[in-house]
Amino acid sequence: MKKRNKAMIIIGSLLLIIVLLFIGLDGTFLSPKYKSVWSDRYVDGLENDQLRIIAHGIRAASGHNMQPWLVKIISDSSVELYADTDKALPVVDSDHKQLLMSQGTFIESLRQGVIKYGYDADIAYSIPVFDKKMPLIATINIHGKEGTDTADAVSGSTYDAGPAGQDLDIAKEIDRCISEFPGFSYTLVDSGAEIEKLKDILLEATVIESGDEAAVKELLDVFRWTEWEQNKYRYGLSLNTLPRLLKPFIQPIMKLSSKNWQSFGESSITQFKKRLDSQTGYILLKHPDPGNIEYVFSGQLYQRLASVVSGYYLRPAMQVLEDFDAMKSLNYRFRQEYCQDGEVVMIIGLQPRAGTPPAGNPRHLVDDILLK
């Protein structure tokens, strides 16, 4: 009996050491600063409404969660938004389209924060030129709105879009939003055969991207596998859907196995197939002659739609639009099929809401994006 008890103690001690080792490797004990911007406590604790509104902007979606935003405070009522080209991805986003869309999502999320805190805003857009390291995107002037009670203002990014399955005229919601963006149009892909045809193209694009060594290694470089890395960088890709109790064990193991870019690519395909299985339609945003500023507007339009379309998560799928050599042939076929009445600037998947919303992705703190 004593030998058995001694063996159990040894086994238990070994298991405890292994658990503590994994917790140390993952950084489970760290305060998750990368989640701070999602916390009302953090936002409310900022010095003034201007900083709180900037924090609201940081909650926006961005391509590969790169958050390529830099903000310069000009005065108590004026800020400038610049694109952070240090966050560019030269392989999968060589033409900066996704980086520009991310500027638009920030502008729209910030605009919703302006409304939340009872203000109004005038936005003066600049045409982005990438001969500078930090292209100016927009100057935003914030001012008071007469007759508005701050307590009654509603933020689009915290709007409860409602459960899946409720009756919804998606086209009506899109029409209402797109009317504020001249030149833009859309195609709603919502019939069975058309959905499956588009899904086949999107999957093929993912297979191409996931089999391209340069593309996969670029995405691996911005993957944050552990709590240590997410706290350090506060941007980039992460395993944000893992159960909390499993994260300390799975994240370090995945980090060790990520050295093999082929296996990472295969895993990406598997995850994308699951995503496609859950999507029930697609919105193709179009413009007849998109330039840099139109890609900014398309990001703003996407963020607007994401805040008002009830019962769905809106998930962009941009692989087929990426401009690198391995994707050119499929991109040409896609254009022949879907771009007869305007260039497709964004493909948005409609995923019915179900269960608990996924945890918020890592996000910068306000100080991370302020130009001193």
Protein backbone atom coordinates (compact mmCIF):
# COMPACT_ATOMS: atom_id res chain seq x y z
CA MET A 1 0.00 0.00 0.00
CA LYS A 2 2.87 2.37 0.87
CA LYS A 3 4.54 1.65 -2.48
CA ARG A 4 1.27 2.42 -4.27
CA ASN A 5 0.82 5.70 -2.39
CA LYS A 6 4.41 6.65 -3.14
CA ALA A 7 3.89 5.91 -6.87
CA MET A 8 0.73 8.01 -6.90
CA ILE A 9 2.57 10.90 -5.26
CA ILE A 10 5.37 10.66 -7.84
CA ILE A 11 2.90 10.53 -10.75
CA GLY A 12 0.87 13.41 -9.31
CA SER A 13 4.04 15.48 -8.82
CA LEU A 14 5.15 14.80 -12.41
CA LEU A 15 1.72 15.82 -13.73
CA LEU A 16 1.83 19.00 -11.64
CA ILE A 17 5.30 19.83 -12.97
CA ILE A 18 4.08 19.27 -16.56
CA VAL A 19 1.02 21.48 -15.98
CA LEU A 20 3.17 24.23 -14.45
CA LEU A 21 5.64 23.93 -17.33
CA PHE A 22 2.90 24.41 -19.91
CA ILE A 23 1.41 27.30 -17.94
CA GLY A 24 4.83 28.94 -17.86
CA LEU A 25 5.44 28.40 -21.58
CA ASP A 26 2.04 29.81 -22.49
CA GLY A 27 2.04 32.71 -20.04
CA THR A 28 -1.37 31.77 -18.63
CA PHE A 29 -0.65 33.69 -15.42
CA LEU A 30 -0.22 37.00 -17.26
CA SER A 31 -2.80 39.75 -17.10
CA PRO A 32 -4.28 39.68 -20.65
CA LYS A 33 -3.56 43.27 -21.70
CA TYR A 34 -4.36 42.31 -25.29
CA LYS A 35 -8.03 42.10 -24.28
CA SER A 36 -8.12 45.47 -22.51
CA VAL A 37 -9.75 47.49 -25.28
CA TRP A 38 -12.80 45.20 -25.13
CA SER A 39 -13.25 46.10 -21.45
CA ASP A 40 -15.53 48.99 -20.52
CA ARG A 41 -13.45 49.34 -17.35
CA TYR A 42 -10.33 50.06 -19.43
CA VAL A 43 -12.13 52.42 -21.80
CA ASP A 44 -13.97 54.29 -19.03
CA GLY A 45 -10.66 54.70 -17.20
CA LEU A 46 -9.08 56.63 -20.07
CA GLU A 47 -8.40 60.32 -19.50
CA ASN A 48 -11.06 61.83 -21.77
CA ASP A 49 -13.73 61.13 -24.38
CA GLN A 50 -11.29 61.64 -27.25
CA LEU A 51 -9.16 58.72 -26.05
CA ARG A 52 -12.29 56.65 -25.39
CA ILE A 53 -13.45 57.25 -28.96
CA ILE A 54 -10.03 56.18 -30.28
CA ALA A 55 -10.32 53.02 -28.16
CA HIS A 56 -13.65 52.37 -29.82
CA GLY A 57 -11.97 52.63 -33.21
CA ILE A 58 -9.42 49.97 -32.19
CA ARG A 59 -12.28 47.48 -31.79
CA ALA A 60 -12.71 47.48 -35.58
CA ALA A 61 -12.01 44.45 -37.73
CA SER A 62 -8.81 44.48 -39.80
CA GLY A 63 -7.16 42.26 -42.38
CA HIS A 64 -5.39 39.40 -40.57
CA ASN A 65 -5.95 41.45 -37.39
CA MET A 66 -2.92 43.59 -38.29
CA GLN A 67 -4.53 46.82 -36.96
CA PRO A 68 -2.42 49.04 -39.28
CA TRP A 69 -3.52 52.28 -37.63
CA LEU A 70 -1.61 55.28 -36.33
CA VAL A 71 -3.42 58.25 -34.82
CA LYS A 72 -2.05 61.74 -34.27
CA ILE A 73 -3.92 64.02 -31.89
CA ILE A 74 -3.99 67.50 -33.42
CA SER A 75 -6.18 69.17 -30.81
CA ASP A 76 -8.86 68.36 -28.26
CA SER A 77 -11.33 67.97 -31.12
CA SER A 78 -9.23 66.80 -34.08
CA VAL A 79 -7.23 63.67 -34.94
CA GLU A 80 -5.43 62.41 -38.03
CA LEU A 81 -5.45 58.77 -39.10
CA TYR A 82 -2.38 57.35 -40.85
CA ALA A 83 -1.76 53.91 -42.34
CA ASP A 84 1.01 52.00 -40.58
CA THR A 85 2.90 50.40 -43.48
CA ASP A 86 5.10 48.52 -41.02
CA LYS A 87 2.03 46.30 -40.68
CA ALA A 88 1.82 45.64 -44.45
CA LEU A 89 1.88 42.07 -45.78
CA PRO A 90 3.79 42.30 -49.08
CA VAL A 91 2.96 38.78 -50.28
CA VAL A 92 -0.77 38.34 -49.64
CA ASP A 93 -1.55 42.07 -49.78
CA SER A 94 1.03 43.47 -52.17
CA ASP A 95 -1.35 46.16 -53.47
CA HIS A 96 -2.35 47.28 -49.93
CA LYS A 97 -6.06 46.68 -50.57
CA GLN A 98 -6.68 44.90 -47.28
CA LEU A 99 -4.58 47.46 -45.42
CA LEU A 100 -6.74 50.23 -46.92
CA MET A 101 -9.97 48.40 -46.04
CA SER A 102 -8.70 48.24 -42.48
CA GLN A 103 -8.45 52.04 -42.45
CA GLY A 104 -12.12 52.18 -43.39
CA THR A 105 -13.16 49.78 -40.63
CA PHE A 106 -11.32 51.92 -38.09
CA ILE A 107 -13.01 55.10 -39.34
CA GLU A 108 -16.45 53.51 -39.10
CA SER A 109 -15.86 52.02 -35.65
CA LEU A 110 -14.51 55.36 -34.43
CA ARG A 111 -17.55 57.10 -35.95
CA GLN A 112 -19.79 54.78 -33.97
CA GLY A 113 -17.82 55.67 -30.84
CA VAL A 114 -18.38 59.34 -31.62
CA ILE A 115 -22.12 58.67 -31.66
CA LYS A 116 -21.94 56.60 -28.47
CA TYR A 117 -20.40 59.47 -26.51
CA GLY A 118 -22.91 61.98 -27.81
CA TYR A 119 -20.82 63.81 -30.41
CA ASP A 120 -20.80 64.27 -34.16
CA ALA A 121 -17.85 64.11 -36.56
CA ASP A 122 -16.72 65.59 -39.86
CA ILE A 123 -14.38 63.32 -41.81
CA ALA A 124 -12.04 64.77 -44.44
CA TYR A 125 -10.59 61.89 -46.47
CA SER A 126 -7.17 61.99 -48.12
CA ILE A 127 -6.27 59.90 -51.15
CA PRO A 128 -3.65 57.45 -49.78
CA VAL A 129 -0.30 57.53 -51.58
CA PHE A 130 2.22 54.85 -50.70
CA ASP A 131 5.35 56.82 -51.52
CA LYS A 132 5.35 57.74 -47.83
CA LYS A 133 5.87 55.41 -44.89
CA MET A 134 2.72 56.68 -43.17
CA PRO A 135 0.12 57.77 -45.75
CA LEU A 136 -2.50 60.15 -44.35
CA ILE A 137 -5.95 58.55 -44.57
CA ALA A 138 -8.31 61.04 -42.96
CA THR A 139 -8.64 64.01 -40.64
CA ILE A 140 -11.51 63.62 -38.18
CA ASN A 141 -12.99 66.62 -36.40
CA ILE A 142 -15.22 65.81 -33.43
CA HIS A 143 -17.75 68.31 -32.15
CA GLY A 144 -20.84 68.47 -29.98
CA LYS A 145 -24.24 67.50 -31.28
CA GLU A 146 -27.11 69.67 -30.12
CA GLY A 147 -30.02 67.87 -28.52
CA THR A 148 -28.17 64.59 -27.95
CA ASP A 149 -28.11 62.99 -24.52
CA THR A 150 -24.89 60.99 -24.23
CA ALA A 151 -26.64 58.42 -22.05
CA ASP A 152 -29.11 57.71 -24.85
CA ALA A 153 -26.53 57.26 -27.62
CA VAL A 154 -26.08 53.74 -29.01
CA SER A 155 -22.84 52.28 -30.33
CA GLY A 156 -22.99 50.11 -33.43
CA SER A 157 -20.12 47.89 -32.32
CA THR A 158 -21.94 46.95 -29.12
CA TYR A 159 -25.30 46.59 -30.84
CA ASP A 160 -26.92 43.22 -30.20
CA ALA A 161 -27.61 42.03 -33.70
CA GLY A 162 -30.06 39.43 -32.46
CA PRO A 163 -30.24 35.63 -32.63
CA ALA A 164 -29.89 33.58 -35.78
CA GLY A 165 -33.01 32.48 -37.55
CA GLN A 166 -35.04 35.62 -37.11
CA ASP A 167 -36.79 37.05 -40.16
CA LEU A 168 -34.49 39.47 -41.91
CA ASP A 169 -34.51 41.20 -45.26
CA ILE A 170 -30.75 41.29 -45.78
CA ALA A 171 -31.04 43.10 -49.11
CA LYS A 172 -33.01 45.88 -47.42
CA GLU A 173 -30.30 46.34 -44.79
CA ILE A 174 -27.57 46.36 -47.44
CA ASP A 175 -29.49 48.85 -49.60
CA ARG A 176 -29.87 51.19 -46.65
CA CYS A 177 -26.15 51.14 -45.85
CA ILE A 178 -24.80 51.18 -49.40
CA SER A 179 -26.89 54.22 -50.33
CA GLU A 180 -24.43 56.32 -48.30
CA PHE A 181 -21.47 55.15 -50.43
CA PRO A 182 -21.89 56.47 -54.01
CA GLY A 183 -20.62 54.24 -56.80
CA PHE A 184 -20.86 51.01 -54.79
CA SER A 185 -23.18 48.15 -55.66
CA TYR A 186 -23.49 44.53 -54.57
CA THR A 187 -24.54 41.05 -55.57
CA LEU A 188 -26.26 38.86 -52.97
CA VAL A 189 -25.41 35.19 -53.53
CA ASP A 190 -28.19 33.35 -51.71
CA SER A 191 -29.36 30.45 -53.88
CA GLY A 192 -28.15 26.90 -53.31
CA ALA A 193 -26.31 26.25 -56.57
CA GLU A 194 -24.73 29.70 -56.70
CA ILE A 195 -23.59 29.44 -53.08
CA GLU A 196 -21.90 26.10 -53.71
CA LYS A 197 -20.21 27.38 -56.88
CA LEU A 198 -18.76 30.34 -55.00
CA LYS A 199 -17.72 28.14 -52.08
CA ASP A 200 -15.76 25.93 -54.49
CA ILE A 201 -13.86 28.98 -55.76
CA LEU A 202 -13.17 30.27 -52.24
CA LEU A 203 -11.89 26.86 -51.16
CA GLU A 204 -9.66 26.61 -54.23
CA ALA A 205 -8.23 30.03 -53.40
CA THR A 206 -7.48 28.93 -49.84
CA VAL A 207 -5.77 25.78 -51.10
CA ILE A 208 -3.61 27.94 -53.39
CA GLU A 209 -2.69 30.38 -50.62
CA SER A 210 -2.03 27.55 -48.15
CA GLY A 211 0.28 25.80 -50.63
CA ASP A 212 2.34 28.89 -51.37
CA GLU A 213 5.45 28.87 -49.16
CA ALA A 214 6.01 32.64 -49.15
CA ALA A 215 2.34 33.37 -48.35
CA VAL A 216 2.16 30.83 -45.53
CA LYS A 217 5.44 31.92 -43.96
CA GLU A 218 4.29 35.53 -44.04
CA LEU A 219 1.14 34.61 -42.11
CA LEU A 220 3.15 32.43 -39.72
CA ASP A 221 5.28 35.48 -38.93
CA VAL A 222 2.21 37.31 -37.61
CA PHE A 223 0.71 34.36 -35.71
CA ARG A 224 0.73 34.81 -31.95
CA TRP A 225 0.64 31.34 -30.44
CA THR A 226 0.88 31.97 -26.70
CA GLU A 227 -0.37 34.43 -24.11
CA TRP A 228 3.18 35.77 -23.92
CA GLU A 229 3.14 36.67 -27.61
CA GLN A 230 -0.40 38.04 -27.62
CA ASN A 231 0.46 40.33 -24.69
CA LYS A 232 3.69 41.46 -26.36
CA TYR A 233 2.37 42.24 -29.85
CA ARG A 234 -1.40 42.75 -29.32
CA TYR A 235 -2.06 42.30 -33.04
CA GLY A 236 -1.90 39.49 -35.59
CA LEU A 237 -3.51 36.07 -35.84
CA SER A 238 -4.26 33.85 -32.86
CA LEU A 239 -6.12 30.76 -31.65
CA ASN A 240 -8.95 32.75 -30.13
CA THR A 241 -11.62 30.01 -30.29
CA LEU A 242 -9.92 27.51 -27.96
CA PRO A 243 -11.62 26.56 -24.68
CA ARG A 244 -10.00 28.50 -21.83
CA LEU A 245 -8.90 25.39 -19.92
CA LEU A 246 -7.16 23.89 -22.96
CA LYS A 247 -5.32 27.02 -24.13
CA PRO A 248 -2.28 26.61 -21.80
CA PHE A 249 -1.63 23.17 -23.30
CA ILE A 250 -2.68 23.47 -26.93
CA GLN A 251 -1.09 26.86 -27.67
CA PRO A 252 2.54 25.87 -26.80
CA ILE A 253 2.14 22.57 -28.66
CA MET A 254 0.83 24.40 -31.73
CA LYS A 255 3.72 26.87 -31.51
CA LEU A 256 6.25 24.03 -31.57
CA SER A 257 4.54 22.35 -34.54
CA SER A 258 4.25 25.63 -36.48
CA LYS A 259 7.83 25.34 -37.69
CA ASN A 260 6.51 23.25 -40.57
CA TRP A 261 4.80 25.65 -42.97
CA GLN A 262 3.17 22.81 -44.96
CA SER A 263 1.35 21.46 -41.90
CA PHE A 264 0.22 24.98 -41.00
CA GLY A 265 -1.14 25.36 -44.54
CA GLU A 266 -3.01 22.06 -44.33
CA SER A 267 -4.51 23.08 -40.98
CA SER A 268 -5.64 26.38 -42.52
CA ILE A 269 -7.50 24.50 -45.26
CA THR A 270 -9.24 22.29 -42.69
CA GLN A 271 -10.37 25.30 -40.66
CA PHE A 272 -11.56 27.15 -43.76
CA LYS A 273 -13.67 24.16 -44.84
CA LYS A 274 -15.45 24.27 -41.48
CA ARG A 275 -16.05 27.97 -41.96
CA LEU A 276 -17.51 27.43 -45.44
CA ASP A 277 -19.83 24.72 -44.09
CA SER A 278 -21.31 27.24 -41.66
CA GLN A 279 -21.97 30.00 -44.21
CA THR A 280 -25.35 30.35 -45.89
CA GLY A 281 -24.78 33.17 -48.38
CA TYR A 282 -22.38 35.84 -49.60
CA ILE A 283 -22.34 39.57 -50.30
CA LEU A 284 -20.10 40.70 -53.15
CA LEU A 285 -19.33 44.41 -52.75
CA LYS A 286 -18.54 46.07 -56.11
CA HIS A 287 -17.29 49.32 -57.58
CA PRO A 288 -16.87 50.16 -61.28
CA ASP A 289 -13.38 51.68 -60.92
CA PRO A 290 -11.94 51.22 -57.43
CA GLY A 291 -8.88 53.19 -56.41
CA ASN A 292 -7.18 53.51 -53.05
CA ILE A 293 -9.88 55.69 -51.52
CA GLU A 294 -12.64 53.31 -52.65
CA TYR A 295 -10.94 50.48 -50.75
CA VAL A 296 -11.02 52.67 -47.65
CA PHE A 297 -14.75 53.24 -48.25
CA SER A 298 -15.34 49.50 -48.76
CA GLY A 299 -13.88 48.81 -45.31
CA GLN A 300 -16.11 51.46 -43.80
CA LEU A 301 -19.13 49.97 -45.57
CA TYR A 302 -18.24 46.49 -44.31
CA GLN A 303 -17.98 47.70 -40.71
CA ARG A 304 -21.30 49.50 -41.08
CA LEU A 305 -22.96 46.32 -42.37
CA ALA A 306 -21.41 44.24 -39.59
CA SER A 307 -23.07 46.47 -37.00
CA VAL A 308 -26.60 46.39 -38.45
CA VAL A 309 -27.17 43.06 -40.22
CA SER A 310 -29.05 41.04 -37.61
CA GLY A 311 -28.54 37.36 -36.92
CA TYR A 312 -25.25 36.91 -38.79
CA TYR A 313 -21.52 37.20 -38.40
CA LEU A 314 -20.03 38.84 -41.49
CA ARG A 315 -16.75 37.13 -42.45
CA PRO A 316 -14.66 38.54 -45.34
CA ALA A 317 -12.93 36.00 -47.59
CA MET A 318 -10.24 37.81 -49.57
CA GLN A 319 -7.91 35.04 -50.77
CA VAL A 320 -9.20 34.90 -54.35
CA LEU A 321 -8.66 38.66 -54.66
CA GLU A 322 -5.06 38.54 -53.47
CA ASP A 323 -2.48 39.65 -56.02
CA PHE A 324 0.36 37.14 -56.03
CA ASP A 325 1.53 34.87 -58.83
CA ALA A 326 -0.02 31.61 -57.64
CA MET A 327 -3.49 33.23 -57.46
CA LYS A 328 -3.54 34.98 -60.87
CA SER A 329 -5.22 32.22 -62.88
CA LEU A 330 -8.04 31.68 -60.37
CA ASN A 331 -8.46 35.44 -59.95
CA TYR A 332 -8.95 35.77 -63.71
CA ARG A 333 -11.62 33.05 -63.70
CA PHE A 334 -13.36 34.71 -60.76
CA ARG A 335 -13.37 38.07 -62.52
CA GLN A 336 -14.86 36.56 -65.65
CA GLU A 337 -17.66 35.03 -63.58
CA TYR A 338 -18.49 37.79 -61.09
CA CYS A 339 -17.09 41.14 -62.26
CA GLN A 340 -19.18 41.84 -65.36
CA ASP A 341 -21.09 44.68 -63.66
CA GLY A 342 -18.29 46.06 -61.49
CA GLU A 343 -15.03 45.08 -59.81
CA VAL A 344 -15.54 42.91 -56.72
CA VAL A 345 -13.69 44.66 -53.90
CA MET A 346 -14.81 42.44 -51.03
CA ILE A 347 -16.43 39.01 -50.56
CA ILE A 348 -18.40 38.73 -47.32
CA GLY A 349 -19.66 35.42 -45.97
CA LEU A 350 -22.89 35.28 -43.98
CA GLN A 351 -22.57 32.97 -40.98
CA PRO A 352 -25.69 32.56 -38.81
CA ARG A 353 -25.10 33.48 -35.18
CA ALA A 354 -25.21 30.49 -32.86
CA GLY A 355 -24.04 29.83 -29.31
CA THR A 356 -21.62 32.04 -27.42
CA PRO A 357 -19.92 34.77 -29.49
CA PRO A 358 -16.20 34.11 -30.05
CA ALA A 359 -13.77 35.85 -27.72
CA GLY A 360 -12.46 39.20 -28.92
CA ASN A 361 -9.23 39.06 -30.92
CA PRO A 362 -6.07 40.64 -29.45
CA ARG A 363 -6.16 44.40 -29.74
CA HIS A 364 -3.74 47.26 -29.26
CA LEU A 365 -4.04 49.65 -26.36
CA VAL A 366 -4.65 53.30 -27.23
CA ASP A 367 -1.03 54.22 -26.43
CA ASP A 368 0.18 51.63 -28.95
CA ILE A 369 -1.21 53.55 -31.93
CA LEU A 370 -0.74 57.18 -30.84
CA LEU A 371 1.95 59.17 -32.63
CA LYS A 372 3.87 61.08 -29.98
